[in-house]
Each structure stands twice: as C-alpha cells, then as structure tokens.
All heavy atoms as atom14 arrays in JSON, in Angstrom:
{
  "sequence": "DEDFLTKVWYAGAYTVQTNTVPLDTGRKVPFAPQGSWENDARL",
  "atom14_mask": [
    [1, 1, 1, 1, 1, 1, 1, 1, 0, 0, 0, 0, 0, 0],
    [1, 1, 1, 1, 1, 1, 1, 1, 1, 0, 0, 0, 0, 0],
    [1, 1, 1, 1, 1, 1, 1, 1, 0, 0, 0, 0, 0, 0],
    [1, 1, 1, 1, 1, 1, 1, 1, 1, 1, 1, 0, 0, 0],
    [1, 1, 1, 1, 1, 1, 1, 1, 0, 0, 0, 0, 0, 0],
    [1, 1, 1, 1, 1, 1, 1, 0, 0, 0, 0, 0, 0, 0],
    [1, 1, 1, 1, 1, 1, 1, 1, 1, 0, 0, 0, 0, 0],
    [1, 1, 1, 1, 1, 1, 1, 0, 0, 0, 0, 0, 0, 0],
    [1, 1, 1, 1, 1, 1, 1, 1, 1, 1, 1, 1, 1, 1],
    [1, 1, 1, 1, 1, 1, 1, 1, 1, 1, 1, 1, 0, 0],
    [1, 1, 1, 1, 1, 0, 0, 0, 0, 0, 0, 0, 0, 0],
    [1, 1, 1, 1, 0, 0, 0, 0, 0, 0, 0, 0, 0, 0],
    [1, 1, 1, 1, 1, 0, 0, 0, 0, 0, 0, 0, 0, 0],
    [1, 1, 1, 1, 1, 1, 1, 1, 1, 1, 1, 1, 0, 0],
    [1, 1, 1, 1, 1, 1, 1, 0, 0, 0, 0, 0, 0, 0],
    [1, 1, 1, 1, 1, 1, 1, 0, 0, 0, 0, 0, 0, 0],
    [1, 1, 1, 1, 1, 1, 1, 1, 1, 0, 0, 0, 0, 0],
    [1, 1, 1, 1, 1, 1, 1, 0, 0, 0, 0, 0, 0, 0],
    [1, 1, 1, 1, 1, 1, 1, 1, 0, 0, 0, 0, 0, 0],
    [1, 1, 1, 1, 1, 1, 1, 0, 0, 0, 0, 0, 0, 0],
    [1, 1, 1, 1, 1, 1, 1, 0, 0, 0, 0, 0, 0, 0],
    [1, 1, 1, 1, 1, 1, 1, 0, 0, 0, 0, 0, 0, 0],
    [1, 1, 1, 1, 1, 1, 1, 1, 0, 0, 0, 0, 0, 0],
    [1, 1, 1, 1, 1, 1, 1, 1, 0, 0, 0, 0, 0, 0],
    [1, 1, 1, 1, 1, 1, 1, 0, 0, 0, 0, 0, 0, 0],
    [1, 1, 1, 1, 0, 0, 0, 0, 0, 0, 0, 0, 0, 0],
    [1, 1, 1, 1, 1, 1, 1, 1, 1, 1, 1, 0, 0, 0],
    [1, 1, 1, 1, 1, 1, 1, 1, 1, 0, 0, 0, 0, 0],
    [1, 1, 1, 1, 1, 1, 1, 0, 0, 0, 0, 0, 0, 0],
    [1, 1, 1, 1, 1, 1, 1, 0, 0, 0, 0, 0, 0, 0],
    [1, 1, 1, 1, 1, 1, 1, 1, 1, 1, 1, 0, 0, 0],
    [1, 1, 1, 1, 1, 0, 0, 0, 0, 0, 0, 0, 0, 0],
    [1, 1, 1, 1, 1, 1, 1, 0, 0, 0, 0, 0, 0, 0],
    [1, 1, 1, 1, 1, 1, 1, 1, 1, 0, 0, 0, 0, 0],
    [1, 1, 1, 1, 0, 0, 0, 0, 0, 0, 0, 0, 0, 0],
    [1, 1, 1, 1, 1, 1, 0, 0, 0, 0, 0, 0, 0, 0],
    [1, 1, 1, 1, 1, 1, 1, 1, 1, 1, 1, 1, 1, 1],
    [1, 1, 1, 1, 1, 1, 1, 1, 1, 0, 0, 0, 0, 0],
    [1, 1, 1, 1, 1, 1, 1, 1, 0, 0, 0, 0, 0, 0],
    [1, 1, 1, 1, 1, 1, 1, 1, 0, 0, 0, 0, 0, 0],
    [1, 1, 1, 1, 1, 0, 0, 0, 0, 0, 0, 0, 0, 0],
    [1, 1, 1, 1, 1, 1, 1, 1, 1, 1, 1, 0, 0, 0],
    [1, 1, 1, 1, 1, 1, 1, 1, 0, 0, 0, 0, 0, 0]
  ],
  "atom14_positions": [
    [[171.84, 111.15, 282.02], [172.56, 110.02, 282.59], [172.17, 108.81, 281.77], [171.02, 108.37, 281.81], [172.17, 109.83, 284.06], [172.91, 108.67, 284.72], [173.49, 107.84, 284.01], [172.88, 108.59, 285.96], [0.0, 0.0, 0.0], [0.0, 0.0, 0.0], [0.0, 0.0, 0.0], [0.0, 0.0, 0.0], [0.0, 0.0, 0.0], [0.0, 0.0, 0.0]],
    [[173.1, 108.27, 280.99], [172.74, 107.19, 280.09], [172.28, 105.93, 280.82], [171.61, 105.08, 280.23], [173.91, 106.83, 279.16], [175.11, 106.21, 279.86], [176.16, 105.72, 278.87], [175.98, 105.93, 277.65], [177.15, 105.1, 279.32], [0.0, 0.0, 0.0], [0.0, 0.0, 0.0], [0.0, 0.0, 0.0], [0.0, 0.0, 0.0], [0.0, 0.0, 0.0]],
    [[172.6, 105.81, 282.1], [172.18, 104.65, 282.89], [170.89, 104.89, 283.66], [170.49, 104.05, 284.47], [173.29, 104.27, 283.89], [174.55, 103.76, 283.2], [174.42, 102.95, 282.26], [175.65, 104.2, 283.59], [0.0, 0.0, 0.0], [0.0, 0.0, 0.0], [0.0, 0.0, 0.0], [0.0, 0.0, 0.0], [0.0, 0.0, 0.0], [0.0, 0.0, 0.0]],
    [[170.23, 106.01, 283.39], [169.04, 106.36, 284.16], [167.98, 105.27, 284.12], [167.36, 104.95, 285.14], [168.45, 107.68, 283.64], [167.03, 107.92, 284.05], [166.7, 108.12, 285.38], [166.0, 107.95, 283.11], [165.39, 108.34, 285.78], [164.69, 108.16, 283.49], [164.39, 108.35, 284.82], [0.0, 0.0, 0.0], [0.0, 0.0, 0.0], [0.0, 0.0, 0.0]],
    [[167.72, 104.68, 282.96], [166.65, 103.68, 282.85], [166.91, 102.49, 283.76], [165.99, 102.0, 284.43], [166.51, 103.22, 281.4], [166.07, 104.3, 280.4], [166.1, 103.75, 278.98], [164.68, 104.82, 280.75], [0.0, 0.0, 0.0], [0.0, 0.0, 0.0], [0.0, 0.0, 0.0], [0.0, 0.0, 0.0], [0.0, 0.0, 0.0], [0.0, 0.0, 0.0]],
    [[168.14, 102.04, 283.8], [168.48, 100.92, 284.68], [168.38, 101.34, 286.14], [167.86, 100.6, 286.98], [169.89, 100.4, 284.37], [169.99, 100.13, 282.97], [170.18, 99.12, 285.14], [0.0, 0.0, 0.0], [0.0, 0.0, 0.0], [0.0, 0.0, 0.0], [0.0, 0.0, 0.0], [0.0, 0.0, 0.0], [0.0, 0.0, 0.0], [0.0, 0.0, 0.0]],
    [[168.85, 102.53, 286.44], [168.79, 103.01, 287.82], [167.35, 103.13, 288.31], [167.03, 102.75, 289.44], [169.5, 104.36, 287.94], [171.01, 104.3, 287.79], [171.63, 105.69, 287.85], [173.15, 105.65, 287.74], [173.74, 107.0, 287.75], [0.0, 0.0, 0.0], [0.0, 0.0, 0.0], [0.0, 0.0, 0.0], [0.0, 0.0, 0.0], [0.0, 0.0, 0.0]],
    [[166.46, 103.66, 287.47], [165.1, 103.86, 287.93], [164.38, 102.53, 288.05], [163.5, 102.35, 288.91], [164.35, 104.85, 287.02], [163.89, 104.2, 285.71], [163.17, 105.48, 287.75], [0.0, 0.0, 0.0], [0.0, 0.0, 0.0], [0.0, 0.0, 0.0], [0.0, 0.0, 0.0], [0.0, 0.0, 0.0], [0.0, 0.0, 0.0], [0.0, 0.0, 0.0]],
    [[164.73, 101.54, 287.2], [164.15, 100.2, 287.36], [164.49, 99.64, 288.74], [163.61, 99.15, 289.46], [164.69, 99.28, 286.26], [164.0, 97.96, 286.13], [162.99, 97.64, 285.28], [164.28, 96.75, 286.88], [162.61, 96.32, 285.45], [163.38, 95.75, 286.41], [165.18, 96.43, 287.88], [163.38, 94.44, 286.93], [165.19, 95.12, 288.39], [164.31, 94.15, 287.93]],
    [[165.75, 99.75, 289.12], [166.17, 99.22, 290.41], [165.69, 100.08, 291.57], [165.44, 99.57, 292.67], [167.69, 99.02, 290.45], [168.09, 97.74, 289.76], [168.5, 97.73, 288.43], [168.02, 96.52, 290.42], [168.84, 96.55, 287.78], [168.36, 95.33, 289.79], [168.76, 95.35, 288.47], [169.08, 94.16, 287.83], [0.0, 0.0, 0.0], [0.0, 0.0, 0.0]],
    [[165.53, 101.38, 291.36], [164.97, 102.22, 292.41], [163.54, 101.82, 292.72], [163.12, 101.77, 293.89], [165.04, 103.7, 292.01], [0.0, 0.0, 0.0], [0.0, 0.0, 0.0], [0.0, 0.0, 0.0], [0.0, 0.0, 0.0], [0.0, 0.0, 0.0], [0.0, 0.0, 0.0], [0.0, 0.0, 0.0], [0.0, 0.0, 0.0], [0.0, 0.0, 0.0]],
    [[162.77, 101.53, 291.68], [161.41, 101.05, 291.9], [161.38, 99.72, 292.61], [160.58, 99.48, 293.52], [0.0, 0.0, 0.0], [0.0, 0.0, 0.0], [0.0, 0.0, 0.0], [0.0, 0.0, 0.0], [0.0, 0.0, 0.0], [0.0, 0.0, 0.0], [0.0, 0.0, 0.0], [0.0, 0.0, 0.0], [0.0, 0.0, 0.0], [0.0, 0.0, 0.0]],
    [[162.27, 98.81, 292.19], [162.35, 97.5, 292.83], [162.7, 97.64, 294.31], [162.09, 96.99, 295.18], [163.38, 96.64, 292.12], [0.0, 0.0, 0.0], [0.0, 0.0, 0.0], [0.0, 0.0, 0.0], [0.0, 0.0, 0.0], [0.0, 0.0, 0.0], [0.0, 0.0, 0.0], [0.0, 0.0, 0.0], [0.0, 0.0, 0.0], [0.0, 0.0, 0.0]],
    [[163.67, 98.49, 294.61], [164.09, 98.67, 296.01], [163.0, 99.38, 296.82], [162.8, 99.08, 298.0], [165.41, 99.45, 296.05], [166.01, 99.55, 297.44], [166.21, 98.43, 298.23], [166.4, 100.79, 297.95], [166.76, 98.53, 299.5], [166.96, 100.9, 299.22], [167.13, 99.77, 299.99], [167.68, 99.87, 301.25], [0.0, 0.0, 0.0], [0.0, 0.0, 0.0]],
    [[162.29, 100.29, 296.18], [161.17, 100.95, 296.86], [160.16, 99.92, 297.35], [159.75, 99.93, 298.51], [160.49, 101.95, 295.92], [161.42, 102.98, 295.56], [159.27, 102.58, 296.56], [0.0, 0.0, 0.0], [0.0, 0.0, 0.0], [0.0, 0.0, 0.0], [0.0, 0.0, 0.0], [0.0, 0.0, 0.0], [0.0, 0.0, 0.0], [0.0, 0.0, 0.0]],
    [[159.75, 99.02, 296.46], [158.77, 98.01, 296.85], [159.35, 97.08, 297.9], [158.65, 96.64, 298.83], [158.3, 97.22, 295.61], [157.37, 96.09, 296.0], [157.6, 98.16, 294.63], [0.0, 0.0, 0.0], [0.0, 0.0, 0.0], [0.0, 0.0, 0.0], [0.0, 0.0, 0.0], [0.0, 0.0, 0.0], [0.0, 0.0, 0.0], [0.0, 0.0, 0.0]],
    [[160.63, 96.78, 297.82], [161.27, 95.94, 298.82], [161.21, 96.59, 300.2], [160.93, 95.93, 301.21], [162.72, 95.67, 298.4], [163.33, 94.44, 299.01], [164.7, 94.13, 298.43], [165.35, 95.0, 297.81], [165.16, 92.91, 298.61], [0.0, 0.0, 0.0], [0.0, 0.0, 0.0], [0.0, 0.0, 0.0], [0.0, 0.0, 0.0], [0.0, 0.0, 0.0]],
    [[161.46, 97.89, 300.27], [161.4, 98.58, 301.57], [159.98, 98.69, 302.1], [159.77, 98.96, 303.28], [162.01, 100.0, 301.48], [161.17, 100.83, 300.67], [163.42, 99.98, 300.95], [0.0, 0.0, 0.0], [0.0, 0.0, 0.0], [0.0, 0.0, 0.0], [0.0, 0.0, 0.0], [0.0, 0.0, 0.0], [0.0, 0.0, 0.0], [0.0, 0.0, 0.0]],
    [[159.0, 98.5, 301.21], [157.59, 98.54, 301.6], [157.04, 97.17, 301.99], [155.84, 97.02, 302.22], [156.73, 99.1, 300.46], [157.02, 100.54, 300.11], [156.45, 101.06, 299.16], [157.93, 101.2, 300.82], [0.0, 0.0, 0.0], [0.0, 0.0, 0.0], [0.0, 0.0, 0.0], [0.0, 0.0, 0.0], [0.0, 0.0, 0.0], [0.0, 0.0, 0.0]],
    [[157.9, 96.16, 302.01], [157.51, 94.8, 302.38], [158.0, 94.55, 303.79], [159.21, 94.47, 304.02], [158.12, 93.79, 301.39], [157.7, 94.14, 300.06], [157.68, 92.38, 301.72], [0.0, 0.0, 0.0], [0.0, 0.0, 0.0], [0.0, 0.0, 0.0], [0.0, 0.0, 0.0], [0.0, 0.0, 0.0], [0.0, 0.0, 0.0], [0.0, 0.0, 0.0]],
    [[157.08, 94.45, 304.74], [157.47, 94.62, 306.14], [156.95, 93.48, 307.02], [156.02, 92.76, 306.64], [156.95, 95.97, 306.67], [157.47, 97.12, 305.82], [155.42, 96.01, 306.73], [0.0, 0.0, 0.0], [0.0, 0.0, 0.0], [0.0, 0.0, 0.0], [0.0, 0.0, 0.0], [0.0, 0.0, 0.0], [0.0, 0.0, 0.0], [0.0, 0.0, 0.0]],
    [[157.51, 93.33, 308.23], [157.0, 92.34, 309.18], [155.58, 92.69, 309.64], [155.17, 93.85, 309.62], [158.0, 92.42, 310.34], [159.23, 93.04, 309.77], [158.74, 93.99, 308.72], [0.0, 0.0, 0.0], [0.0, 0.0, 0.0], [0.0, 0.0, 0.0], [0.0, 0.0, 0.0], [0.0, 0.0, 0.0], [0.0, 0.0, 0.0], [0.0, 0.0, 0.0]],
    [[154.86, 91.67, 310.08], [153.44, 91.82, 310.38], [153.16, 92.85, 311.46], [152.2, 93.61, 311.37], [152.87, 90.45, 310.79], [151.39, 90.39, 311.14], [150.55, 90.79, 309.94], [151.02, 88.99, 311.61], [0.0, 0.0, 0.0], [0.0, 0.0, 0.0], [0.0, 0.0, 0.0], [0.0, 0.0, 0.0], [0.0, 0.0, 0.0], [0.0, 0.0, 0.0]],
    [[153.95, 92.9, 312.5], [153.65, 93.74, 313.66], [154.48, 95.02, 313.69], [155.0, 95.42, 314.73], [153.87, 92.95, 314.96], [152.87, 91.82, 315.1], [151.67, 92.06, 314.85], [153.27, 90.7, 315.44], [0.0, 0.0, 0.0], [0.0, 0.0, 0.0], [0.0, 0.0, 0.0], [0.0, 0.0, 0.0], [0.0, 0.0, 0.0], [0.0, 0.0, 0.0]],
    [[154.59, 95.67, 312.54], [155.37, 96.91, 312.48], [154.58, 98.04, 311.82], [155.14, 98.92, 311.18], [156.69, 96.69, 311.71], [156.39, 96.28, 310.36], [157.56, 95.65, 312.39], [0.0, 0.0, 0.0], [0.0, 0.0, 0.0], [0.0, 0.0, 0.0], [0.0, 0.0, 0.0], [0.0, 0.0, 0.0], [0.0, 0.0, 0.0], [0.0, 0.0, 0.0]],
    [[153.25, 98.04, 311.98], [152.43, 99.1, 311.43], [152.41, 100.33, 312.3], [152.74, 100.29, 313.49], [0.0, 0.0, 0.0], [0.0, 0.0, 0.0], [0.0, 0.0, 0.0], [0.0, 0.0, 0.0], [0.0, 0.0, 0.0], [0.0, 0.0, 0.0], [0.0, 0.0, 0.0], [0.0, 0.0, 0.0], [0.0, 0.0, 0.0], [0.0, 0.0, 0.0]],
    [[152.0, 101.45, 311.71], [151.86, 102.7, 312.47], [150.67, 102.58, 313.42], [149.55, 102.27, 313.01], [151.66, 103.87, 311.5], [151.48, 105.21, 312.19], [151.41, 106.37, 311.21], [150.34, 106.24, 310.25], [149.84, 107.26, 309.54], [150.35, 108.47, 309.71], [148.88, 107.08, 308.67], [0.0, 0.0, 0.0], [0.0, 0.0, 0.0], [0.0, 0.0, 0.0]],
    [[150.92, 102.83, 314.69], [149.9, 102.66, 315.72], [148.77, 103.67, 315.53], [149.0, 104.83, 315.24], [150.54, 102.84, 317.11], [149.6, 102.56, 318.28], [149.21, 101.1, 318.39], [150.33, 100.2, 318.85], [150.74, 100.45, 320.24], [0.0, 0.0, 0.0], [0.0, 0.0, 0.0], [0.0, 0.0, 0.0], [0.0, 0.0, 0.0], [0.0, 0.0, 0.0]],
    [[147.54, 103.16, 315.66], [146.35, 104.01, 315.62], [145.52, 103.71, 316.87], [145.26, 102.54, 317.16], [145.5, 103.72, 314.36], [144.22, 104.55, 314.37], [146.31, 104.0, 313.1], [0.0, 0.0, 0.0], [0.0, 0.0, 0.0], [0.0, 0.0, 0.0], [0.0, 0.0, 0.0], [0.0, 0.0, 0.0], [0.0, 0.0, 0.0], [0.0, 0.0, 0.0]],
    [[145.09, 104.72, 317.64], [145.32, 106.16, 317.47], [146.82, 106.49, 317.43], [147.63, 105.8, 318.03], [144.65, 106.8, 318.68], [143.66, 105.78, 319.16], [144.28, 104.46, 318.85], [0.0, 0.0, 0.0], [0.0, 0.0, 0.0], [0.0, 0.0, 0.0], [0.0, 0.0, 0.0], [0.0, 0.0, 0.0], [0.0, 0.0, 0.0], [0.0, 0.0, 0.0]],
    [[147.13, 107.56, 316.7], [148.52, 107.91, 316.47], [149.22, 108.28, 317.77], [148.59, 108.74, 318.72], [148.62, 109.06, 315.47], [147.91, 108.78, 314.17], [146.97, 109.66, 313.67], [148.19, 107.62, 313.46], [146.31, 109.38, 312.48], [147.53, 107.34, 312.26], [146.59, 108.22, 311.77], [0.0, 0.0, 0.0], [0.0, 0.0, 0.0], [0.0, 0.0, 0.0]],
    [[150.51, 108.06, 317.78], [151.31, 108.37, 318.97], [151.17, 109.85, 319.33], [150.96, 110.7, 318.45], [152.76, 108.03, 318.71], [0.0, 0.0, 0.0], [0.0, 0.0, 0.0], [0.0, 0.0, 0.0], [0.0, 0.0, 0.0], [0.0, 0.0, 0.0], [0.0, 0.0, 0.0], [0.0, 0.0, 0.0], [0.0, 0.0, 0.0], [0.0, 0.0, 0.0]],
    [[151.29, 110.18, 320.6], [151.21, 111.59, 321.02], [152.3, 112.43, 320.35], [153.35, 111.91, 319.93], [151.43, 111.53, 322.53], [151.14, 110.11, 322.91], [151.52, 109.28, 321.73], [0.0, 0.0, 0.0], [0.0, 0.0, 0.0], [0.0, 0.0, 0.0], [0.0, 0.0, 0.0], [0.0, 0.0, 0.0], [0.0, 0.0, 0.0], [0.0, 0.0, 0.0]],
    [[152.05, 113.72, 320.22], [153.04, 114.61, 319.63], [154.37, 114.48, 320.36], [154.43, 114.39, 321.58], [152.56, 116.06, 319.66], [153.47, 117.0, 318.89], [152.79, 118.31, 318.55], [151.61, 118.5, 318.84], [153.52, 119.22, 317.92], [0.0, 0.0, 0.0], [0.0, 0.0, 0.0], [0.0, 0.0, 0.0], [0.0, 0.0, 0.0], [0.0, 0.0, 0.0]],
    [[155.44, 114.44, 319.57], [156.77, 114.27, 320.12], [157.22, 112.83, 320.15], [158.25, 112.52, 320.76], [0.0, 0.0, 0.0], [0.0, 0.0, 0.0], [0.0, 0.0, 0.0], [0.0, 0.0, 0.0], [0.0, 0.0, 0.0], [0.0, 0.0, 0.0], [0.0, 0.0, 0.0], [0.0, 0.0, 0.0], [0.0, 0.0, 0.0], [0.0, 0.0, 0.0]],
    [[156.46, 111.93, 319.46], [156.82, 110.51, 319.47], [156.24, 109.81, 318.26], [155.51, 110.4, 317.47], [156.31, 109.84, 320.76], [154.89, 109.89, 320.82], [0.0, 0.0, 0.0], [0.0, 0.0, 0.0], [0.0, 0.0, 0.0], [0.0, 0.0, 0.0], [0.0, 0.0, 0.0], [0.0, 0.0, 0.0], [0.0, 0.0, 0.0], [0.0, 0.0, 0.0]],
    [[156.57, 108.55, 318.12], [155.99, 107.7, 317.08], [155.97, 106.27, 317.6], [156.72, 105.91, 318.49], [156.79, 107.81, 315.77], [158.21, 107.32, 315.89], [158.66, 106.05, 315.72], [159.36, 108.12, 316.2], [160.02, 105.98, 315.91], [160.48, 107.24, 316.2], [159.57, 109.47, 316.48], [161.77, 107.68, 316.47], [160.85, 109.89, 316.75], [161.94, 109.01, 316.74]],
    [[155.08, 105.46, 317.02], [154.98, 104.06, 317.4], [154.72, 103.23, 316.14], [153.8, 103.53, 315.38], [153.85, 103.84, 318.41], [154.07, 104.53, 319.75], [152.92, 104.31, 320.71], [152.34, 103.21, 320.72], [152.58, 105.26, 321.44], [0.0, 0.0, 0.0], [0.0, 0.0, 0.0], [0.0, 0.0, 0.0], [0.0, 0.0, 0.0], [0.0, 0.0, 0.0]],
    [[155.5, 102.18, 315.96], [155.36, 101.3, 314.79], [155.36, 99.84, 315.23], [156.21, 99.06, 314.83], [156.49, 101.56, 313.79], [156.28, 102.81, 312.97], [155.16, 103.08, 312.53], [157.33, 103.59, 312.77], [0.0, 0.0, 0.0], [0.0, 0.0, 0.0], [0.0, 0.0, 0.0], [0.0, 0.0, 0.0], [0.0, 0.0, 0.0], [0.0, 0.0, 0.0]],
    [[154.37, 99.48, 316.06], [154.27, 98.1, 316.49], [152.85, 97.56, 316.37], [152.45, 96.64, 317.08], [154.77, 97.93, 317.93], [153.98, 98.75, 318.94], [153.15, 99.58, 318.51], [154.21, 98.56, 320.14], [0.0, 0.0, 0.0], [0.0, 0.0, 0.0], [0.0, 0.0, 0.0], [0.0, 0.0, 0.0], [0.0, 0.0, 0.0], [0.0, 0.0, 0.0]],
    [[152.05, 98.12, 315.44], [150.67, 97.68, 315.24], [150.62, 96.52, 314.25], [151.45, 96.42, 313.34], [149.82, 98.84, 314.75], [0.0, 0.0, 0.0], [0.0, 0.0, 0.0], [0.0, 0.0, 0.0], [0.0, 0.0, 0.0], [0.0, 0.0, 0.0], [0.0, 0.0, 0.0], [0.0, 0.0, 0.0], [0.0, 0.0, 0.0], [0.0, 0.0, 0.0]],
    [[149.62, 95.66, 314.41], [149.44, 94.51, 313.5], [148.8, 95.0, 312.2], [147.84, 95.76, 312.18], [148.59, 93.44, 314.15], [148.31, 92.25, 313.25], [148.17, 90.95, 314.01], [149.44, 90.55, 314.59], [149.72, 89.29, 314.96], [148.84, 88.33, 314.79], [150.89, 89.0, 315.49], [0.0, 0.0, 0.0], [0.0, 0.0, 0.0], [0.0, 0.0, 0.0]],
    [[149.33, 94.49, 311.08], [148.98, 95.0, 309.76], [147.99, 94.14, 308.99], [147.48, 94.56, 307.95], [150.25, 95.16, 308.91], [151.16, 96.31, 309.33], [152.55, 96.14, 308.75], [150.56, 97.64, 308.89], [0.0, 0.0, 0.0], [0.0, 0.0, 0.0], [0.0, 0.0, 0.0], [0.0, 0.0, 0.0], [0.0, 0.0, 0.0], [0.0, 0.0, 0.0]]
  ]
}
C-alpha cells in the first residue's frame, strides 16, 4: 500500500489521542467483579 507510511503515522497519532482521557475514568481497583467493568477511578 503506497500510502502505508502516512496511514501508520496517523494511526499512531490517533492511538495516543484515544489514550488521552478525563481524570476520573480510570479502571477501578480492586477490579470489578466478574461479569462487569468499572471505569470511574481517579488517575
């Protein structure tokens, strides 16, 4: 794919963007019970 280099540059940029999050949206510890998840912990 001749555009691969440009695509992977932007894929990396978007990856880091999705990893930039609000303060109170961390994975809760102790972890949520089996069958659930919680993402409201302070980071």
